[in-house]
Amino acid sequence: MKKIDEELLRKMFDEAPQTVLILYNIEDIAKLLNVSIHTVRYWIKTKQLKAAKLGKSWRVEHNDLVDFLNSRKNVKESDANGQ
């Protein structure tokens, strides 16, 4: 295994410190939202929830999960208001 060049690593993070990528797998989302894995897969299949397949697993970016939750919140607010 190659040794990581600490100087190169520091330079990468210093140039783009705001870049943070948080990815969730289907199991993480199911636990967070208290739904089944099948429900999360359905949301991905119907393109309600953006996801990317990495290898054999689906991954969802944090911002896409936030957008999805906000879109669901708006649906529930509309239903509550009788619209």
PDB file of N, CA and C in Angstrom:
ATOM      1  N   MET A   1       0.844  -1.173   0.000  1.00  0.00           N
ATOM      2  CA  MET A   1       0.000   0.000   0.000  1.00  0.00           C
ATOM      3  C   MET A   1       0.897   1.245   0.000  1.00  0.00           C
ATOM      4  N   LYS A   2       0.561   2.209  -0.855  1.00  0.00           N
ATOM      5  CA  LYS A   2       1.362   3.422  -0.945  1.00  0.00           C
ATOM      6  C   LYS A   2       1.088   4.341   0.234  1.00  0.00           C
ATOM      7  N   LYS A   3       2.122   5.017   0.633  1.00  0.00           N
ATOM      8  CA  LYS A   3       1.993   5.975   1.711  1.00  0.00           C
ATOM      9  C   LYS A   3       1.364   7.252   1.156  1.00  0.00           C
ATOM     10  N   ILE A   4       0.425   7.823   1.889  1.00  0.00           N
ATOM     11  CA  ILE A   4      -0.246   9.033   1.437  1.00  0.00           C
ATOM     12  C   ILE A   4       0.681  10.223   1.588  1.00  0.00           C
ATOM     13  N   ASP A   5       0.749  11.025   0.538  1.00  0.00           N
ATOM     14  CA  ASP A   5       1.556  12.238   0.571  1.00  0.00           C
ATOM     15  C   ASP A   5       0.777  13.299   1.337  1.00  0.00           C
ATOM     16  N   GLU A   6       1.181  13.529   2.578  1.00  0.00           N
ATOM     17  CA  GLU A   6       0.451  14.462   3.451  1.00  0.00           C
ATOM     18  C   GLU A   6       0.435  15.875   2.890  1.00  0.00           C
ATOM     19  N   GLU A   7       1.515  16.295   2.282  1.00  0.00           N
ATOM     20  CA  GLU A   7       1.569  17.650   1.716  1.00  0.00           C
ATOM     21  C   GLU A   7       0.553  17.800   0.582  1.00  0.00           C
ATOM     22  N   LEU A   8       0.487  16.828  -0.274  1.00  0.00           N
ATOM     23  CA  LEU A   8      -0.481  16.859  -1.376  1.00  0.00           C
ATOM     24  C   LEU A   8      -1.910  16.843  -0.837  1.00  0.00           C
ATOM     25  N   LEU A   9      -2.150  16.043   0.168  1.00  0.00           N
ATOM     26  CA  LEU A   9      -3.468  15.952   0.778  1.00  0.00           C
ATOM     27  C   LEU A   9      -3.871  17.289   1.411  1.00  0.00           C
ATOM     28  N   ARG A  10      -2.960  17.907   2.135  1.00  0.00           N
ATOM     29  CA  ARG A  10      -3.234  19.224   2.737  1.00  0.00           C
ATOM     30  C   ARG A  10      -3.545  20.259   1.665  1.00  0.00           C
ATOM     31  N   LYS A  11      -2.765  20.232   0.582  1.00  0.00           N
ATOM     32  CA  LYS A  11      -2.967  21.187  -0.510  1.00  0.00           C
ATOM     33  C   LYS A  11      -4.357  21.021  -1.120  1.00  0.00           C
ATOM     34  N   MET A  12      -4.781  19.788  -1.309  1.00  0.00           N
ATOM     35  CA  MET A  12      -6.106  19.527  -1.878  1.00  0.00           C
ATOM     36  C   MET A  12      -7.197  20.104  -0.983  1.00  0.00           C
ATOM     37  N   PHE A  13      -7.100  19.903   0.314  1.00  0.00           N
ATOM     38  CA  PHE A  13      -8.125  20.380   1.232  1.00  0.00           C
ATOM     39  C   PHE A  13      -8.051  21.887   1.445  1.00  0.00           C
ATOM     40  N   ASP A  14      -6.856  22.455   1.375  1.00  0.00           N
ATOM     41  CA  ASP A  14      -6.714  23.903   1.536  1.00  0.00           C
ATOM     42  C   ASP A  14      -7.306  24.647   0.341  1.00  0.00           C
ATOM     43  N   GLU A  15      -7.186  24.068  -0.852  1.00  0.00           N
ATOM     44  CA  GLU A  15      -7.705  24.721  -2.049  1.00  0.00           C
ATOM     45  C   GLU A  15      -9.223  24.649  -2.128  1.00  0.00           C
ATOM     46  N   ALA A  16      -9.814  23.647  -1.561  1.00  0.00           N
ATOM     47  CA  ALA A  16     -11.265  23.490  -1.645  1.00  0.00           C
ATOM     48  C   ALA A  16     -11.832  23.036  -0.293  1.00  0.00           C
ATOM     49  N   PRO A  17     -11.678  23.870   0.750  1.00  0.00           N
ATOM     50  CA  PRO A  17     -12.150  23.440   2.070  1.00  0.00           C
ATOM     51  C   PRO A  17     -13.669  23.335   2.176  1.00  0.00           C
ATOM     52  N   GLN A  18     -14.412  24.018   1.293  1.00  0.00           N
ATOM     53  CA  GLN A  18     -15.867  23.991   1.355  1.00  0.00           C
ATOM     54  C   GLN A  18     -16.451  22.743   0.695  1.00  0.00           C
ATOM     55  N   THR A  19     -15.638  21.967   0.042  1.00  0.00           N
ATOM     56  CA  THR A  19     -16.125  20.795  -0.662  1.00  0.00           C
ATOM     57  C   THR A  19     -16.211  19.611   0.289  1.00  0.00           C
ATOM     58  N   VAL A  20     -17.436  19.274   0.647  1.00  0.00           N
ATOM     59  CA  VAL A  20     -17.676  18.108   1.486  1.00  0.00           C
ATOM     60  C   VAL A  20     -18.806  17.322   0.846  1.00  0.00           C
ATOM     61  N   LEU A  21     -18.581  16.073   0.631  1.00  0.00           N
ATOM     62  CA  LEU A  21     -19.581  15.232  -0.001  1.00  0.00           C
ATOM     63  C   LEU A  21     -20.039  14.185   1.000  1.00  0.00           C
ATOM     64  N   ILE A  22     -21.315  14.247   1.345  1.00  0.00           N
ATOM     65  CA  ILE A  22     -21.884  13.267   2.254  1.00  0.00           C
ATOM     66  C   ILE A  22     -22.816  12.385   1.444  1.00  0.00           C
ATOM     67  N   LEU A  23     -22.565  11.085   1.497  1.00  0.00           N
ATOM     68  CA  LEU A  23     -23.387  10.128   0.767  1.00  0.00           C
ATOM     69  C   LEU A  23     -24.063   9.176   1.744  1.00  0.00           C
ATOM     70  N   TYR A  24     -25.320   8.873   1.462  1.00  0.00           N
ATOM     71  CA  TYR A  24     -26.081   7.922   2.268  1.00  0.00           C
ATOM     72  C   TYR A  24     -26.397   6.704   1.417  1.00  0.00           C
ATOM     73  N   ASN A  25     -26.406   5.535   2.032  1.00  0.00           N
ATOM     74  CA  ASN A  25     -26.883   4.359   1.319  1.00  0.00           C
ATOM     75  C   ASN A  25     -28.365   4.160   1.642  1.00  0.00           C
ATOM     76  N   ILE A  26     -28.980   3.218   0.996  1.00  0.00           N
ATOM     77  CA  ILE A  26     -30.421   2.993   1.163  1.00  0.00           C
ATOM     78  C   ILE A  26     -30.767   2.656   2.606  1.00  0.00           C
ATOM     79  N   GLU A  27     -29.934   1.859   3.245  1.00  0.00           N
ATOM     80  CA  GLU A  27     -30.197   1.468   4.629  1.00  0.00           C
ATOM     81  C   GLU A  27     -30.160   2.676   5.560  1.00  0.00           C
ATOM     82  N   ASP A  28     -29.196   3.585   5.327  1.00  0.00           N
ATOM     83  CA  ASP A  28     -29.097   4.805   6.143  1.00  0.00           C
ATOM     84  C   ASP A  28     -30.371   5.632   6.033  1.00  0.00           C
ATOM     85  N   ILE A  29     -30.841   5.821   4.816  1.00  0.00           N
ATOM     86  CA  ILE A  29     -32.032   6.642   4.592  1.00  0.00           C
ATOM     87  C   ILE A  29     -33.256   5.991   5.222  1.00  0.00           C
ATOM     88  N   ALA A  30     -33.371   4.680   5.079  1.00  0.00           N
ATOM     89  CA  ALA A  30     -34.512   3.965   5.667  1.00  0.00           C
ATOM     90  C   ALA A  30     -34.536   4.157   7.186  1.00  0.00           C
ATOM     91  N   LYS A  31     -33.382   4.060   7.813  1.00  0.00           N
ATOM     92  CA  LYS A  31     -33.309   4.245   9.268  1.00  0.00           C
ATOM     93  C   LYS A  31     -33.605   5.684   9.663  1.00  0.00           C
ATOM     94  N   LEU A  32     -33.031   6.636   8.933  1.00  0.00           N
ATOM     95  CA  LEU A  32     -33.242   8.056   9.240  1.00  0.00           C
ATOM     96  C   LEU A  32     -34.713   8.457   9.142  1.00  0.00           C
ATOM     97  N   LEU A  33     -35.400   7.929   8.132  1.00  0.00           N
ATOM     98  CA  LEU A  33     -36.782   8.331   7.876  1.00  0.00           C
ATOM     99  C   LEU A  33     -37.811   7.357   8.448  1.00  0.00           C
ATOM    100  N   ASN A  34     -37.317   6.305   9.070  1.00  0.00           N
ATOM    101  CA  ASN A  34     -38.190   5.301   9.679  1.00  0.00           C
ATOM    102  C   ASN A  34     -39.166   4.692   8.663  1.00  0.00           C
ATOM    103  N   VAL A  35     -38.598   4.307   7.512  1.00  0.00           N
ATOM    104  CA  VAL A  35     -39.363   3.631   6.464  1.00  0.00           C
ATOM    105  C   VAL A  35     -38.608   2.371   6.074  1.00  0.00           C
ATOM    106  N   SER A  36     -39.229   1.553   5.251  1.00  0.00           N
ATOM    107  CA  SER A  36     -38.568   0.322   4.820  1.00  0.00           C
ATOM    108  C   SER A  36     -37.580   0.600   3.695  1.00  0.00           C
ATOM    109  N   ILE A  37     -36.679  -0.328   3.506  1.00  0.00           N
ATOM    110  CA  ILE A  37     -35.723  -0.251   2.406  1.00  0.00           C
ATOM    111  C   ILE A  37     -36.469  -0.266   1.078  1.00  0.00           C
ATOM    112  N   HIS A  38     -37.572  -1.016   1.024  1.00  0.00           N
ATOM    113  CA  HIS A  38     -38.378  -1.101  -0.203  1.00  0.00           C
ATOM    114  C   HIS A  38     -38.961   0.265  -0.568  1.00  0.00           C
ATOM    115  N   THR A  39     -39.352   1.029   0.429  1.00  0.00           N
ATOM    116  CA  THR A  39     -39.891   2.370   0.186  1.00  0.00           C
ATOM    117  C   THR A  39     -38.823   3.275  -0.411  1.00  0.00           C
ATOM    118  N   VAL A  40     -37.621   3.220   0.121  1.00  0.00           N
ATOM    119  CA  VAL A  40     -36.525   4.043  -0.395  1.00  0.00           C
ATOM    120  C   VAL A  40     -36.211   3.626  -1.831  1.00  0.00           C
ATOM    121  N   ARG A  41     -36.176   2.332  -2.079  1.00  0.00           N
ATOM    122  CA  ARG A  41     -35.928   1.848  -3.445  1.00  0.00           C
ATOM    123  C   ARG A  41     -37.019   2.342  -4.403  1.00  0.00           C
ATOM    124  N   TYR A  42     -38.270   2.365  -3.936  1.00  0.00           N
ATOM    125  CA  TYR A  42     -39.384   2.848  -4.753  1.00  0.00           C
ATOM    126  C   TYR A  42     -39.187   4.324  -5.090  1.00  0.00           C
ATOM    127  N   TRP A  43     -38.796   5.122  -4.101  1.00  0.00           N
ATOM    128  CA  TRP A  43     -38.564   6.546  -4.346  1.00  0.00           C
ATOM    129  C   TRP A  43     -37.470   6.749  -5.380  1.00  0.00           C
ATOM    130  N   ILE A  44     -36.435   5.920  -5.323  1.00  0.00           N
ATOM    131  CA  ILE A  44     -35.341   6.018  -6.295  1.00  0.00           C
ATOM    132  C   ILE A  44     -35.828   5.567  -7.670  1.00  0.00           C
ATOM    133  N   LYS A  45     -36.523   4.455  -7.715  1.00  0.00           N
ATOM    134  CA  LYS A  45     -37.007   3.909  -8.987  1.00  0.00           C
ATOM    135  C   LYS A  45     -37.945   4.883  -9.694  1.00  0.00           C
ATOM    136  N   THR A  46     -38.801   5.563  -8.937  1.00  0.00           N
ATOM    137  CA  THR A  46     -39.752   6.502  -9.526  1.00  0.00           C
ATOM    138  C   THR A  46     -39.168   7.908  -9.665  1.00  0.00           C
ATOM    139  N   LYS A  47     -37.872   8.030  -9.383  1.00  0.00           N
ATOM    140  CA  LYS A  47     -37.119   9.280  -9.526  1.00  0.00           C
ATOM    141  C   LYS A  47     -37.637  10.408  -8.641  1.00  0.00           C
ATOM    142  N   GLN A  48     -38.280  10.044  -7.550  1.00  0.00           N
ATOM    143  CA  GLN A  48     -38.661  11.038  -6.560  1.00  0.00           C
ATOM    144  C   GLN A  48     -37.432  11.452  -5.749  1.00  0.00           C
ATOM    145  N   LEU A  49     -36.505  10.505  -5.586  1.00  0.00           N
ATOM    146  CA  LEU A  49     -35.281  10.726  -4.829  1.00  0.00           C
ATOM    147  C   LEU A  49     -34.102  10.478  -5.766  1.00  0.00           C
ATOM    148  N   LYS A  50     -33.268  11.500  -5.961  1.00  0.00           N
ATOM    149  CA  LYS A  50     -32.096  11.359  -6.823  1.00  0.00           C
ATOM    150  C   LYS A  50     -31.086  10.435  -6.162  1.00  0.00           C
ATOM    151  N   ALA A  51     -30.524   9.544  -6.963  1.00  0.00           N
ATOM    152  CA  ALA A  51     -29.519   8.612  -6.453  1.00  0.00           C
ATOM    153  C   ALA A  51     -28.582   8.219  -7.583  1.00  0.00           C
ATOM    154  N   ALA A  52     -27.396   7.775  -7.214  1.00  0.00           N
ATOM    155  CA  ALA A  52     -26.412   7.289  -8.176  1.00  0.00           C
ATOM    156  C   ALA A  52     -25.978   5.901  -7.750  1.00  0.00           C
ATOM    157  N   LYS A  53     -25.811   5.044  -8.728  1.00  0.00           N
ATOM    158  CA  LYS A  53     -25.367   3.685  -8.432  1.00  0.00           C
ATOM    159  C   LYS A  53     -23.848   3.649  -8.487  1.00  0.00           C
ATOM    160  N   LEU A  54     -23.250   3.315  -7.372  1.00  0.00           N
ATOM    161  CA  LEU A  54     -21.803   3.175  -7.280  1.00  0.00           C
ATOM    162  C   LEU A  54     -21.508   1.721  -6.982  1.00  0.00           C
ATOM    163  N   GLY A  55     -20.953   1.039  -7.974  1.00  0.00           N
ATOM    164  CA  GLY A  55     -20.761  -0.401  -7.827  1.00  0.00           C
ATOM    165  C   GLY A  55     -22.115  -1.071  -7.822  1.00  0.00           C
ATOM    166  N   LYS A  56     -22.406  -1.807  -6.772  1.00  0.00           N
ATOM    167  CA  LYS A  56     -23.698  -2.496  -6.665  1.00  0.00           C
ATOM    168  C   LYS A  56     -24.670  -1.763  -5.752  1.00  0.00           C
ATOM    169  N   SER A  57     -24.256  -0.632  -5.193  1.00  0.00           N
ATOM    170  CA  SER A  57     -25.071   0.065  -4.205  1.00  0.00           C
ATOM    171  C   SER A  57     -25.524   1.428  -4.705  1.00  0.00           C
ATOM    172  N   TRP A  58     -26.701   1.815  -4.262  1.00  0.00           N
ATOM    173  CA  TRP A  58     -27.203   3.156  -4.537  1.00  0.00           C
ATOM    174  C   TRP A  58     -26.703   4.099  -3.459  1.00  0.00           C
ATOM    175  N   ARG A  59     -26.350   5.321  -3.866  1.00  0.00           N
ATOM    176  CA  ARG A  59     -25.921   6.355  -2.937  1.00  0.00           C
ATOM    177  C   ARG A  59     -26.710   7.628  -3.223  1.00  0.00           C
ATOM    178  N   VAL A  60     -27.057   8.335  -2.154  1.00  0.00           N
ATOM    179  CA  VAL A  60     -27.814   9.576  -2.256  1.00  0.00           C
ATOM    180  C   VAL A  60     -26.997  10.681  -1.603  1.00  0.00           C
ATOM    181  N   GLU A  61     -26.815  11.774  -2.321  1.00  0.00           N
ATOM    182  CA  GLU A  61     -26.092  12.910  -1.763  1.00  0.00           C
ATOM    183  C   GLU A  61     -26.952  13.603  -0.708  1.00  0.00           C
ATOM    184  N   HIS A  62     -26.291  14.184   0.275  1.00  0.00           N
ATOM    185  CA  HIS A  62     -26.981  14.863   1.368  1.00  0.00           C
ATOM    186  C   HIS A  62     -27.933  15.938   0.835  1.00  0.00           C
ATOM    187  N   ASN A  63     -27.471  16.761  -0.092  1.00  0.00           N
ATOM    188  CA  ASN A  63     -28.305  17.839  -0.632  1.00  0.00           C
ATOM    189  C   ASN A  63     -29.528  17.303  -1.359  1.00  0.00           C
ATOM    190  N   ASP A  64     -29.388  16.163  -2.043  1.00  0.00           N
ATOM    191  CA  ASP A  64     -30.534  15.563  -2.721  1.00  0.00           C
ATOM    192  C   ASP A  64     -31.548  15.027  -1.713  1.00  0.00           C
ATOM    193  N   LEU A  65     -31.059  14.506  -0.607  1.00  0.00           N
ATOM    194  CA  LEU A  65     -31.962  14.035   0.439  1.00  0.00           C
ATOM    195  C   LEU A  65     -32.715  15.211   1.058  1.00  0.00           C
ATOM    196  N   VAL A  66     -32.022  16.312   1.296  1.00  0.00           N
ATOM    197  CA  VAL A  66     -32.664  17.514   1.841  1.00  0.00           C
ATOM    198  C   VAL A  66     -33.728  18.024   0.868  1.00  0.00           C
ATOM    199  N   ASP A  67     -33.396  18.074  -0.428  1.00  0.00           N
ATOM    200  CA  ASP A  67     -34.370  18.514  -1.436  1.00  0.00           C
ATOM    201  C   ASP A  67     -35.594  17.605  -1.444  1.00  0.00           C
ATOM    202  N   PHE A  68     -35.363  16.310  -1.361  1.00  0.00           N
ATOM    203  CA  PHE A  68     -36.468  15.352  -1.335  1.00  0.00           C
ATOM    204  C   PHE A  68     -37.364  15.588  -0.124  1.00  0.00           C
ATOM    205  N   LEU A  69     -36.755  15.755   1.032  1.00  0.00           N
ATOM    206  CA  LEU A  69     -37.538  15.981   2.248  1.00  0.00           C
ATOM    207  C   LEU A  69     -38.327  17.292   2.166  1.00  0.00           C
ATOM    208  N   ASN A  70     -37.719  18.325   1.606  1.00  0.00           N
ATOM    209  CA  ASN A  70     -38.431  19.591   1.441  1.00  0.00           C
ATOM    210  C   ASN A  70     -39.602  19.448   0.479  1.00  0.00           C
ATOM    211  N   SER A  71     -39.426  18.667  -0.571  1.00  0.00           N
ATOM    212  CA  SER A  71     -40.526  18.469  -1.520  1.00  0.00           C
ATOM    213  C   SER A  71     -41.666  17.689  -0.875  1.00  0.00           C
ATOM    214  N   ARG A  72     -41.343  16.747  -0.008  1.00  0.00           N
ATOM    215  CA  ARG A  72     -42.373  15.981   0.705  1.00  0.00           C
ATOM    216  C   ARG A  72     -43.084  16.859   1.724  1.00  0.00           C
ATOM    217  N   LYS A  73     -42.343  17.743   2.356  1.00  0.00           N
ATOM    218  CA  LYS A  73     -42.921  18.648   3.340  1.00  0.00           C
ATOM    219  C   LYS A  73     -43.957  19.554   2.687  1.00  0.00           C
ATOM    220  N   ASN A  74     -43.664  20.057   1.500  1.00  0.00           N
ATOM    221  CA  ASN A  74     -44.590  20.918   0.784  1.00  0.00           C
ATOM    222  C   ASN A  74     -45.865  20.175   0.400  1.00  0.00           C
ATOM    223  N   VAL A  75     -45.746  18.910   0.067  1.00  0.00           N
ATOM    224  CA  VAL A  75     -46.916  18.109  -0.270  1.00  0.00           C
ATOM    225  C   VAL A  75     -47.797  17.976   0.963  1.00  0.00           C
ATOM    226  N   LYS A  76     -47.210  17.680   2.106  1.00  0.00           N
ATOM    227  CA  LYS A  76     -47.976  17.517   3.329  1.00  0.00           C
ATOM    228  C   LYS A  76     -48.634  18.831   3.759  1.00  0.00           C
ATOM    229  N   GLU A  77     -47.930  19.976   3.595  1.00  0.00           N
ATOM    230  CA  GLU A  77     -48.511  21.261   3.956  1.00  0.00           C
ATOM    231  C   GLU A  77     -49.703  21.576   3.059  1.00  0.00           C
ATOM    232  N   SER A  78     -49.596  21.251   1.765  1.00  0.00           N
ATOM    233  CA  SER A  78     -50.703  21.498   0.845  1.00  0.00           C
ATOM    234  C   SER A  78     -51.905  20.660   1.218  1.00  0.00           C
ATOM    235  N   ASP A  79     -51.684  19.395   1.586  1.00  0.00           N
ATOM    236  CA  ASP A  79     -52.780  18.507   1.991  1.00  0.00           C
ATOM    237  C   ASP A  79     -53.450  19.016   3.259  1.00  0.00           C
ATOM    238  N   ALA A  80     -52.660  19.546   4.181  1.00  0.00           N
ATOM    239  CA  ALA A  80     -53.202  20.044   5.446  1.00  0.00           C
ATOM    240  C   ALA A  80     -54.041  21.298   5.249  1.00  0.00           C
ATOM    241  N   ASN A  81     -53.688  22.071   4.216  1.00  0.00           N
ATOM    242  CA  ASN A  81     -54.418  23.306   3.936  1.00  0.00           C
ATOM    243  C   ASN A  81     -55.642  23.069   3.063  1.00  0.00           C
ATOM    244  N   GLY A  82     -55.887  21.831   2.681  1.00  0.00           N
ATOM    245  CA  GLY A  82     -57.053  21.495   1.882  1.00  0.00           C
ATOM    246  C   GLY A  82     -56.900  21.827   0.409  1.00  0.00           C
ATOM    247  N   GLN A  83     -55.693  21.940  -0.066  1.00  0.00           N
ATOM    248  CA  GLN A  83     -55.474  22.247  -1.479  1.00  0.00           C
ATOM    249  C   GLN A  83     -55.214  20.999  -2.274  1.00  0.00           C
TER     250      GLN A  83
END
